[in-house]
Protein backbone atom coordinates (compact mmCIF):
# COMPACT_ATOMS: atom_id res chain seq x y z
CA UNK A 1 -4.29 -28.90 18.50
CA UNK A 2 -7.81 -30.14 19.10
CA UNK A 3 -7.74 -29.26 22.79
CA UNK A 4 -6.42 -25.81 21.95
CA UNK A 5 -9.29 -25.22 19.56
CA UNK A 6 -11.81 -26.41 22.13
CA UNK A 7 -10.32 -23.94 24.59
CA UNK A 8 -10.58 -21.13 22.04
CA UNK A 9 -14.17 -22.07 21.35
CA UNK A 10 -14.97 -21.80 25.06
CA UNK A 11 -13.22 -18.42 25.19
CA UNK A 12 -15.28 -17.36 22.17
CA UNK A 13 -18.58 -18.23 23.76
CA UNK A 14 -17.68 -16.30 26.90
CA UNK A 15 -16.35 -13.31 24.93
CA UNK A 16 -19.40 -13.24 22.69
CA UNK A 17 -21.70 -13.25 25.69
CA UNK A 18 -19.82 -10.31 27.17
CA UNK A 19 -19.92 -8.45 23.88
CA UNK A 20 -23.66 -8.99 23.47
CA UNK A 21 -24.20 -7.78 27.01
CA UNK A 22 -22.22 -4.61 26.34
CA UNK A 23 -24.21 -3.99 23.16
CA UNK A 24 -27.61 -4.36 24.78
CA UNK A 25 -28.16 -8.05 24.18
CA UNK A 26 -26.87 -8.18 20.64
CA UNK A 27 -27.81 -4.71 19.51
CA UNK A 28 -30.21 -3.89 16.77
CA UNK A 29 -33.89 -3.22 16.58
CA UNK A 30 -36.05 -6.32 16.46
CA UNK A 31 -38.49 -6.11 13.59
CA UNK A 32 -41.35 -8.59 13.78
CA UNK A 33 -41.21 -11.03 10.92
CA UNK A 34 -44.26 -11.49 8.77
CA UNK A 35 -46.04 -14.80 9.33
CA UNK A 36 -44.34 -17.62 7.48
CA UNK A 37 -45.51 -21.10 6.63
CA UNK A 38 -43.06 -22.83 8.93
CA UNK A 39 -40.66 -22.40 11.82
CA UNK A 40 -37.12 -23.71 11.99
CA UNK A 41 -33.76 -23.59 13.73
CA UNK A 42 -30.17 -22.85 12.86
CA UNK A 43 -30.01 -26.37 11.47
CA UNK A 44 -32.54 -25.27 8.85
CA UNK A 45 -29.67 -23.50 7.12
CA UNK A 46 -27.96 -26.23 5.16
CA UNK A 47 -25.98 -23.94 2.85
CA UNK A 48 -23.86 -20.96 3.97
CA UNK A 49 -22.66 -18.72 1.12
CA UNK A 50 -20.43 -15.66 1.43
CA UNK A 51 -19.06 -13.20 -1.08
CA UNK A 52 -16.59 -10.37 -0.49
CA UNK A 53 -16.13 -7.44 -2.88
CA UNK A 54 -13.49 -4.68 -2.80
CA UNK A 55 -12.78 -1.41 -1.04
CA UNK A 56 -16.00 0.39 -0.11
CA UNK A 57 -16.93 1.90 3.24
CA UNK A 58 -20.37 1.78 4.85
CA UNK A 59 -20.95 5.53 4.58
CA UNK A 60 -19.73 5.56 0.99
CA UNK A 61 -22.17 2.84 -0.15
CA UNK A 62 -24.95 2.70 2.46
CA UNK A 63 -24.75 6.06 4.22
CA UNK A 64 -27.94 7.19 2.49
CA UNK A 65 -30.00 4.11 3.39
CA UNK A 66 -32.03 6.07 5.99
CA UNK A 67 -33.18 8.50 3.29
CA UNK A 68 -33.98 5.63 0.92
CA UNK A 69 -36.07 3.84 3.53
CA UNK A 70 -37.98 7.00 4.42
CA UNK A 71 -38.78 7.73 0.78
CA UNK A 72 -40.00 4.17 0.24
CA UNK A 73 -41.82 3.77 3.60
CA UNK A 74 -39.53 0.93 4.64
CA UNK A 75 -39.17 0.43 8.42
CA UNK A 76 -35.89 1.05 10.20
CA UNK A 77 -34.81 4.35 8.67
CA UNK A 78 -34.11 5.95 12.03
CA UNK A 79 -32.29 2.88 13.27
CA UNK A 80 -29.38 3.12 10.79
CA UNK A 81 -26.24 5.01 11.75
CA UNK A 82 -25.87 6.55 8.32
CA UNK A 83 -23.85 9.38 6.89
CA UNK A 84 -24.16 12.71 8.76
CA UNK A 85 -25.40 15.42 6.40
CA UNK A 86 -22.51 17.82 6.95
CA UNK A 87 -19.65 15.43 7.63
CA UNK A 88 -16.37 16.80 6.35
CA UNK A 89 -12.60 16.48 6.31
CA UNK A 90 -9.91 19.16 6.25
CA UNK A 91 -8.67 20.15 2.83
CA UNK A 92 -5.11 19.30 1.86
CA UNK A 93 -2.87 22.15 0.81
CA UNK A 94 -0.18 22.25 -1.86
CA UNK A 95 2.50 22.38 0.82
CA UNK A 96 1.26 19.10 2.30
CA UNK A 97 -0.66 20.33 5.33
CA UNK A 98 -4.22 19.96 6.58
CA UNK A 99 -6.38 23.05 6.17
CA UNK A 100 -9.39 22.74 8.54
CA UNK A 101 -10.56 26.23 7.56
CA UNK A 102 -11.36 24.94 4.07
CA UNK A 103 -12.97 21.55 4.49
CA UNK A 104 -14.39 19.09 1.96
CA UNK A 105 -17.98 18.13 2.80
CA UNK A 106 -19.58 14.81 1.83
CA UNK A 107 -21.25 14.90 -1.58
CA UNK A 108 -23.24 12.69 -3.95
CA UNK A 109 -20.75 10.88 -6.17
CA UNK A 110 -22.45 10.20 -9.50
CA UNK A 111 -19.44 8.86 -11.40
CA UNK A 112 -19.70 5.06 -11.27
CA UNK A 113 -15.97 4.81 -11.95
CA UNK A 114 -13.51 7.09 -10.18
CA UNK A 115 -9.81 7.41 -9.43
CA UNK A 116 -8.15 4.86 -7.23
CA UNK A 117 -7.20 5.48 -3.60
CA UNK A 118 -4.65 3.76 -1.41
CA UNK A 119 -5.29 2.29 2.01
CA UNK A 120 -2.18 0.46 3.16
CA UNK A 121 -1.20 0.16 6.83
CA UNK A 122 0.24 3.65 7.20
CA UNK A 123 -2.39 5.39 5.10
CA UNK A 124 -5.33 3.72 6.83
CA UNK A 125 -3.93 4.65 10.23
CA UNK A 126 -3.71 8.23 8.94
CA UNK A 127 -7.37 8.03 7.96
CA UNK A 128 -7.86 7.26 11.66
CA UNK A 129 -5.69 10.13 12.87
CA UNK A 130 -3.64 12.00 10.31
CA UNK A 131 -1.12 13.69 12.59
CA UNK A 132 -0.89 10.97 15.25
CA UNK A 133 -1.67 7.65 13.49
CA UNK A 134 -0.55 5.50 16.44
CA UNK A 135 -2.79 7.42 18.84
CA UNK A 136 -5.70 5.76 20.61
CA UNK A 137 -7.79 8.82 19.72
CA UNK A 138 -9.69 8.85 16.43
CA UNK A 139 -9.83 12.21 14.66
CA UNK A 140 -10.92 10.71 11.31
CA UNK A 141 -9.36 13.66 9.53
CA UNK A 142 -7.02 12.02 7.00
CA UNK A 143 -9.33 10.77 4.25
CA UNK A 144 -9.04 13.78 1.94
CA UNK A 145 -5.32 14.15 2.58
CA UNK A 146 -4.53 10.51 1.81
CA UNK A 147 -6.60 10.61 -1.40
CA UNK A 148 -4.88 13.83 -2.47
CA UNK A 149 -1.42 12.40 -1.81
CA UNK A 150 -2.17 9.34 -3.96
CA UNK A 151 -3.29 11.52 -6.87
CA UNK A 152 -0.26 13.79 -6.59
CA UNK A 153 2.07 10.80 -6.47
CA UNK A 154 0.38 9.42 -9.60
CA UNK A 155 -0.02 12.68 -11.49
CA UNK A 156 1.64 11.26 -14.59
CA UNK A 157 -1.11 8.68 -15.07
CA UNK A 158 -3.64 9.67 -17.73
CA UNK A 159 -6.91 10.91 -16.27
CA UNK A 160 -5.74 11.50 -12.70
CA UNK A 161 -7.24 14.88 -11.83
CA UNK A 162 -8.49 14.78 -8.23
CA UNK A 163 -5.40 16.31 -6.64
CA UNK A 164 -7.54 17.72 -3.80
CA UNK A 165 -8.71 14.23 -2.74
CA UNK A 166 -12.41 15.12 -2.84
CA UNK A 167 -13.45 11.64 -4.02
CA UNK A 168 -12.77 10.26 -0.53
CA UNK A 169 -15.87 12.11 0.69
CA UNK A 170 -18.22 10.94 -2.07
CA UNK A 171 -21.23 8.70 -1.45
CA UNK A 172 -23.55 6.69 -3.66
CA UNK A 173 -27.34 6.35 -3.46
CA UNK A 174 -30.02 4.11 -4.91
CA UNK A 175 -29.69 6.12 -8.13
CA UNK A 176 -26.40 4.32 -8.80
CA UNK A 177 -26.94 1.13 -6.75
CA UNK A 178 -30.69 0.33 -6.75
CA UNK A 179 -30.17 -3.40 -6.28
CA UNK A 180 -27.91 -3.02 -3.24
CA UNK A 181 -30.23 -0.48 -1.63
CA UNK A 182 -33.23 -2.76 -2.06
CA UNK A 183 -31.33 -5.84 -0.86
CA UNK A 184 -30.06 -4.00 2.22
CA UNK A 185 -33.55 -2.70 3.04
CA UNK A 186 -35.55 -5.89 2.64
CA UNK A 187 -33.15 -8.21 4.46
CA UNK A 188 -30.87 -7.70 7.50
CA UNK A 189 -27.85 -5.42 7.63
CA UNK A 190 -25.26 -4.39 10.20
CA UNK A 191 -24.14 -0.82 10.83
CA UNK A 192 -21.36 -2.02 13.14
CA UNK A 193 -19.62 -4.48 10.83
CA UNK A 194 -15.94 -3.52 10.55
CA UNK A 195 -13.18 -4.92 8.41
CA UNK A 196 -10.75 -6.91 10.51
CA UNK A 197 -7.59 -4.78 10.41
CA UNK A 198 -6.57 -1.17 9.80
CA UNK A 199 -4.88 -1.99 6.51
CA UNK A 200 -5.64 -3.06 2.97
CA UNK A 201 -6.91 -6.02 1.00
CA UNK A 202 -4.79 -9.14 1.44
CA UNK A 203 -4.44 -9.08 5.25
CA UNK A 204 -8.20 -8.52 5.59
CA UNK A 205 -8.90 -11.39 3.20
CA UNK A 206 -6.64 -13.56 5.34
CA UNK A 207 -8.78 -12.73 8.38
CA UNK A 208 -11.84 -13.83 6.43
CA UNK A 209 -10.27 -17.21 5.64
CA UNK A 210 -8.12 -17.85 8.73
CA UNK A 211 -9.15 -15.46 11.51
CA UNK A 212 -5.73 -13.76 11.39
CA UNK A 213 -3.18 -12.37 8.95
CA UNK A 214 -0.34 -14.16 10.79
CA UNK A 215 1.38 -10.82 11.38
CA UNK A 216 1.09 -9.61 7.79
CA UNK A 217 0.12 -5.97 7.34
CA UNK A 218 0.51 -5.84 3.57
CA UNK A 219 0.45 -8.05 0.48
CA UNK A 220 2.69 -11.10 0.71
CA UNK A 221 4.66 -9.95 -2.33
CA UNK A 222 6.02 -7.06 -0.24
CA UNK A 223 7.77 -9.33 2.27
CA UNK A 224 11.29 -10.81 2.10
CA UNK A 225 9.61 -14.22 1.89
CA UNK A 226 6.57 -13.70 -0.38
CA UNK A 227 5.51 -17.34 -0.32
CA UNK A 228 2.07 -18.41 0.94
CA UNK A 229 1.53 -18.62 4.68
CA UNK A 230 1.54 -21.84 6.69
CA UNK A 231 -1.64 -21.69 8.74
CA UNK A 232 -5.02 -23.27 9.28
CA UNK A 233 -7.88 -21.86 7.17
CA UNK A 234 -11.62 -22.34 7.32
CA UNK A 235 -11.33 -24.72 4.37
CA UNK A 236 -8.84 -26.90 6.25
CA UNK A 237 -11.15 -26.86 9.25
CA UNK A 238 -14.08 -27.90 7.07
CA UNK A 239 -11.99 -30.74 5.62
CA UNK A 240 -11.06 -31.94 9.11
CA UNK A 241 -14.71 -32.20 10.10
CA UNK A 242 -16.17 -33.57 6.89
CA UNK A 243 -18.06 -30.40 5.92
CA UNK A 244 -18.42 -29.92 2.17
CA UNK A 245 -17.26 -26.69 0.51
CA UNK A 246 -16.56 -25.01 -2.82
CA UNK A 247 -15.05 -21.80 -4.10
CA UNK A 248 -16.94 -20.41 -7.11
CA UNK A 249 -14.76 -18.03 -9.15
CA UNK A 250 -16.43 -15.52 -11.43
CA UNK A 251 -13.78 -14.80 -14.04
CA UNK A 252 -14.20 -13.01 -17.34
CA UNK A 253 -11.82 -15.38 -19.07
CA UNK A 254 -13.74 -18.46 -17.97
CA UNK A 255 -10.79 -19.86 -16.02
CA UNK A 256 -12.11 -21.17 -12.68
CA UNK A 257 -8.66 -20.81 -11.17
CA UNK A 258 -8.03 -17.26 -12.39
CA UNK A 259 -7.46 -16.14 -8.84
CA UNK A 260 -8.55 -17.07 -5.35
CA UNK A 261 -7.33 -15.56 -2.11
CA UNK A 262 -7.05 -19.10 -0.83
CA UNK A 263 -3.70 -18.99 -2.66
CA UNK A 264 -2.39 -16.90 0.23
CA UNK A 265 -2.08 -20.15 2.19
CA UNK A 266 0.11 -23.19 1.61
CA UNK A 267 -2.80 -25.56 2.05
CA UNK A 268 -4.15 -24.29 -1.28
CA UNK A 269 -1.37 -26.22 -3.02
CA UNK A 270 -1.60 -29.18 -0.64
CA UNK A 271 -5.30 -29.50 -1.48
CA UNK A 272 -4.65 -29.66 -5.19
CA UNK A 273 -4.12 -26.06 -6.20
CA UNK A 274 -5.58 -25.32 -9.62
CA UNK A 275 -6.70 -28.96 -9.91
CA UNK A 276 -8.76 -28.88 -6.72
CA UNK A 277 -12.25 -30.07 -7.76
CA UNK A 278 -13.76 -27.81 -5.06
CA UNK A 279 -12.62 -24.70 -6.94
CA UNK A 280 -14.93 -24.23 -9.89
CA UNK A 281 -16.20 -21.67 -12.39
CA UNK A 282 -18.84 -19.28 -11.10
CA UNK A 283 -21.39 -20.54 -13.62
CA UNK A 284 -21.59 -23.79 -11.66
CA UNK A 285 -23.19 -21.95 -8.72
CA UNK A 286 -26.60 -21.55 -10.39
CA UNK A 287 -26.57 -25.19 -11.46
CA UNK A 288 -25.67 -26.43 -7.98
CA UNK A 289 -28.29 -24.17 -6.37
CA UNK A 290 -31.04 -25.35 -8.67
CA UNK A 291 -30.07 -29.03 -8.45
CA UNK A 292 -29.80 -28.96 -4.66
CA UNK A 293 -26.10 -29.82 -4.83
CA UNK A 294 -24.68 -26.72 -3.18
CA UNK A 295 -22.03 -27.64 -0.60
CA UNK A 296 -22.52 -26.77 3.05
CA UNK A 297 -20.16 -23.78 2.73
CA UNK A 298 -19.53 -21.74 -0.41
CA UNK A 299 -17.33 -18.75 -1.18
CA UNK A 300 -17.90 -16.70 -4.32
CA UNK A 301 -14.96 -14.68 -5.62
CA UNK A 302 -15.45 -12.10 -8.37
CA UNK A 303 -12.40 -11.27 -10.48
CA UNK A 304 -11.58 -9.65 -13.80
CA UNK A 305 -12.30 -6.04 -12.84
CA UNK A 306 -15.79 -6.85 -11.57
CA UNK A 307 -14.94 -6.59 -7.87
CA UNK A 308 -16.05 -2.94 -7.48
CA UNK A 309 -12.54 -1.80 -6.60
CA UNK A 310 -11.98 1.94 -7.23
CA UNK A 311 -10.97 2.35 -10.84
CA UNK A 312 -13.61 -0.18 -11.92
CA UNK A 313 -17.24 0.44 -12.82
CA UNK A 314 -19.16 -0.33 -9.62
CA UNK A 315 -22.37 -1.07 -11.52
CA UNK A 316 -20.76 -3.86 -13.50
CA UNK A 317 -19.69 -5.54 -10.28
CA UNK A 318 -23.04 -4.97 -8.58
CA UNK A 319 -24.80 -6.50 -11.59
CA UNK A 320 -22.67 -9.62 -11.30
CA UNK A 321 -23.40 -9.90 -7.57
CA UNK A 322 -27.11 -9.50 -8.27
CA UNK A 323 -27.00 -12.50 -10.60
CA UNK A 324 -25.68 -14.77 -7.83
CA UNK A 325 -28.26 -13.63 -5.28
CA UNK A 326 -31.10 -13.99 -7.78
CA UNK A 327 -29.85 -17.43 -8.84
CA UNK A 328 -30.03 -18.58 -5.22
CA UNK A 329 -33.41 -16.95 -4.53
CA UNK A 330 -34.97 -18.63 -7.56
CA UNK A 331 -33.52 -22.06 -6.85
CA UNK A 332 -34.63 -25.12 -4.93
CA UNK A 333 -31.91 -24.33 -2.35
CA UNK A 334 -33.33 -20.95 -1.31
CA UNK A 335 -35.32 -22.02 1.75
CA UNK A 336 -32.27 -23.82 3.17
CA UNK A 337 -29.66 -21.09 2.68
CA UNK A 338 -28.03 -17.99 4.13
CA UNK A 339 -25.95 -15.77 1.85
CA UNK A 340 -23.77 -12.88 3.02
CA UNK A 341 -22.29 -9.92 1.14
CA UNK A 342 -19.49 -7.74 2.46
CA UNK A 343 -16.36 -5.82 1.39
CA UNK A 344 -12.76 -6.50 2.36
CA UNK A 345 -11.88 -2.97 3.54
CA UNK A 346 -13.00 0.64 3.32
CA UNK A 347 -10.82 1.61 0.39
CA UNK A 348 -9.72 4.89 2.06
CA UNK A 349 -13.27 6.18 1.54
CA UNK A 350 -14.80 8.19 4.36
CA UNK A 351 -16.71 6.64 7.25
CA UNK A 352 -17.72 8.61 10.33
CA UNK A 353 -17.65 5.74 12.88
CA UNK A 354 -14.29 5.14 14.60
CA UNK A 355 -13.15 1.51 14.40
CA UNK A 356 -13.80 -0.37 17.63
CA UNK A 357 -11.20 -2.15 19.79
CA UNK A 358 -10.67 -5.79 18.85
CA UNK A 359 -9.29 -8.97 20.37
CA UNK A 360 -5.80 -9.65 18.93
CA UNK A 361 -6.05 -12.89 16.97
CA UNK A 362 -2.82 -14.40 18.27
CA UNK A 363 0.57 -13.50 19.72
CA UNK A 364 2.11 -12.57 16.35
CA UNK A 365 3.12 -8.92 16.18
CA UNK A 366 3.03 -6.96 12.90
CA UNK A 367 5.94 -8.28 10.83
CA UNK A 368 8.83 -6.27 9.39
CA UNK A 369 7.62 -2.88 10.56
CA UNK A 370 10.04 -0.23 9.37
CA UNK A 371 10.88 2.79 11.56
CA UNK A 372 8.66 4.86 9.26
CA UNK A 373 5.68 2.53 9.75
CA UNK A 374 2.97 3.17 12.32
CA UNK A 375 4.02 1.27 15.44
CA UNK A 376 0.87 -0.44 16.68
CA UNK A 377 -0.74 -3.87 16.74
CA UNK A 378 -3.84 -5.85 15.77
CA UNK A 379 -6.03 -4.75 18.67
CA UNK A 380 -8.39 -2.59 16.64
CA UNK A 381 -10.76 -3.31 13.76
CA UNK A 382 -10.57 -1.45 10.46
CA UNK A 383 -13.31 0.88 9.24
CA UNK A 384 -16.96 -0.07 8.70
CA UNK A 385 -17.89 -1.85 5.48
CA UNK A 386 -21.30 -2.88 4.12
CA UNK A 387 -22.70 -6.19 5.32
CA UNK A 388 -26.00 -7.80 4.26
CA UNK A 389 -27.47 -11.09 5.52
CA UNK A 390 -29.82 -12.60 2.93
CA UNK A 391 -31.91 -15.64 3.81
CA UNK A 392 -35.55 -16.68 4.01
CA UNK A 393 -34.90 -16.63 7.76
CA UNK A 394 -33.44 -13.10 7.80
CA UNK A 395 -35.34 -10.54 9.85
CA UNK A 396 -37.09 -8.14 7.50
CA UNK A 397 -35.65 -4.60 7.47
CA UNK A 398 -33.43 -5.44 10.46
CA UNK A 399 -30.43 -3.37 11.53
CA UNK A 400 -27.87 -5.02 13.80
CA UNK A 401 -25.70 -2.84 16.03
CA UNK A 402 -23.63 -5.71 17.43
CA UNK A 403 -19.93 -5.17 16.77
CA UNK A 404 -18.77 -7.64 14.12
CA UNK A 405 -15.97 -8.15 11.62
CA UNK A 406 -14.93 -10.60 8.91
CA UNK A 407 -14.24 -13.28 11.48
CA UNK A 408 -17.94 -13.13 12.37
CA UNK A 409 -18.55 -15.03 9.13
CA UNK A 410 -16.17 -17.69 10.43
CA UNK A 411 -18.01 -17.66 13.75
CA UNK A 412 -21.33 -18.12 11.97
CA UNK A 413 -19.99 -21.15 10.09
CA UNK A 414 -18.37 -22.58 13.21
CA UNK A 415 -21.56 -22.14 15.22
CA UNK A 416 -23.77 -23.68 12.56
CA UNK A 417 -21.60 -26.76 12.03
CA UNK A 418 -20.26 -27.20 15.57
CA UNK A 419 -16.66 -26.40 14.70
CA UNK A 420 -13.85 -25.14 16.95
CA UNK A 421 -12.44 -21.66 16.49
CA UNK A 422 -9.36 -20.90 14.42
CA UNK A 423 -7.98 -17.99 16.50
CA UNK A 424 -8.80 -15.79 19.46
CA UNK A 425 -10.42 -13.29 17.11
CA UNK A 426 -13.11 -15.58 15.69
CA UNK A 427 -13.54 -17.17 19.13
CA UNK A 428 -14.54 -13.74 20.43
CA UNK A 429 -16.50 -12.69 17.34
CA UNK A 430 -20.21 -11.93 17.20
CA UNK A 431 -21.95 -14.84 15.47
CA UNK A 432 -24.49 -12.75 13.47
CA UNK A 433 -27.41 -14.84 14.74
CA UNK A 434 -29.36 -11.76 15.85
CA UNK A 435 -29.98 -11.14 12.14
CA UNK A 436 -32.04 -14.33 11.80
CA UNK A 437 -35.42 -15.33 13.20
CA UNK A 438 -36.35 -19.00 13.12
CA UNK A 439 -39.82 -18.55 14.63
CA UNK A 440 -41.17 -18.06 11.12
CA UNK A 441 -39.78 -17.87 7.61
CA UNK A 442 -39.83 -14.22 6.59
CA UNK A 443 -39.02 -14.66 2.93
CA UNK A 444 -40.15 -18.10 1.80
CA UNK A 445 -41.04 -16.27 -1.38
CA UNK A 446 -38.19 -13.83 -1.98
CA UNK A 447 -38.98 -10.17 -2.63
CA UNK A 448 -38.93 -8.63 -6.07
CA UNK A 449 -35.64 -6.77 -6.37
CA UNK A 450 -34.78 -4.18 -9.01
CA UNK A 451 -32.42 -4.69 -11.88
CA UNK A 452 -28.97 -3.20 -11.54
CA UNK A 453 -28.33 -0.80 -14.44
CA UNK A 454 -24.85 -0.59 -15.89
CA UNK A 455 -23.90 2.88 -17.09
CA UNK A 456 -21.09 3.23 -19.56
CA UNK A 457 -18.44 5.02 -17.52
CA UNK A 458 -15.99 7.51 -18.99
CA UNK A 459 -12.35 6.53 -18.94
CA UNK A 460 -10.76 7.02 -15.53
CA UNK A 461 -7.22 5.99 -14.80
CA UNK A 462 -6.55 3.20 -12.38
CA UNK A 463 -3.56 1.30 -11.13
CA UNK A 464 -3.34 -2.01 -12.94
CA UNK A 465 -2.88 -4.88 -10.51
CA UNK A 466 -2.26 -8.54 -10.87
CA UNK A 467 -5.36 -10.15 -9.40
CA UNK A 468 -5.07 -10.33 -5.66
CA UNK A 469 -2.63 -7.42 -5.50
CA UNK A 470 -5.17 -4.67 -4.74
CA UNK A 471 -4.47 -1.87 -2.29
């Protein structure tokens, strides 16, 4: 096993070099960092923290970042591949056909809580190409149709009204998400960070933790054998190499084991399950950060309807995320940390950039595909999602164009701590290091960031899931 991992790590270094070459040496516009009081190296980052929220595309959340930066005289506005002003999708007719003559154009979504959408394997591939979902050609014409179909199939639910699927084309601005817009403008972002697979939540979360979904294209509960998967995760790899870690769970009910996606794997139970001392309540994060007792690797998981999933109030979730970033910035651990925010998948919300080809993680084909399922593999990323790198070493106002996905977070951890790769996907992944500059500390004193308001949202219907069962 060890020799296999060493081989994968070598493959990863070669693949990453090729990828950086094809993207112009890592992509992105280099913004000079302001003079700091000290220089450093990758070893200066002693604490790596990552948090993943739910179901938002890049265009949907950050498509208006160029406008925000221009209005606030922040560099890099023209460097962001944001939302085209007149992007649209064909309307969806009552008889179930696309109607290109009557399109739905992108619009400012002001409701902080809106109807759910569905983005399973088949539906996400139809976002890619509605009429030919297995095609290698992206038409990106199925967002409105898929949203409309969900609403029509759930018409009996109270409050479901968007039978035309218009919500798929909505975008937010700094009016709704001032904290996220400021965070993404002061620190480093990527406009080529894709989710790992063209499907929904649980498989993408598995890529984040293991570099593969082990052939799963849907939630484990939908398979003949719904039990957790036997496979190596980043937490097992950290255990093998003596690297400390914790999972901090933000749960409304105060139960630190309310839900963690680590449960998707059998090693969760082997490592103690709900009694694992490394899985703790989210309130412990601020204490650990201030006391200098953060582990080397931390994952924050937000539960209890605060994950920003459609159907929930996005401002409530964003306010919770703000508290974790501010806790770190105002702690003794700040100058030794890197903290990353991303989203598991696009949530069937419009994005204008076609997903890029990807290295298949392993030799496992999609499992239990029915004849009615899209017949394709794991050789393409999912749609773009927001990604922000926050650290005192982050390049100010930087925009990375290097192709990345959730396994890039694994690659970053593996590179920092000298670990082997888990799969071919993270071996080939971009390591995100272009977003950091160790010649000087850009943000030894963190910037002042705005509060995140929480507007009381009107009642909007939503599918009720057990935690971890999201579309």
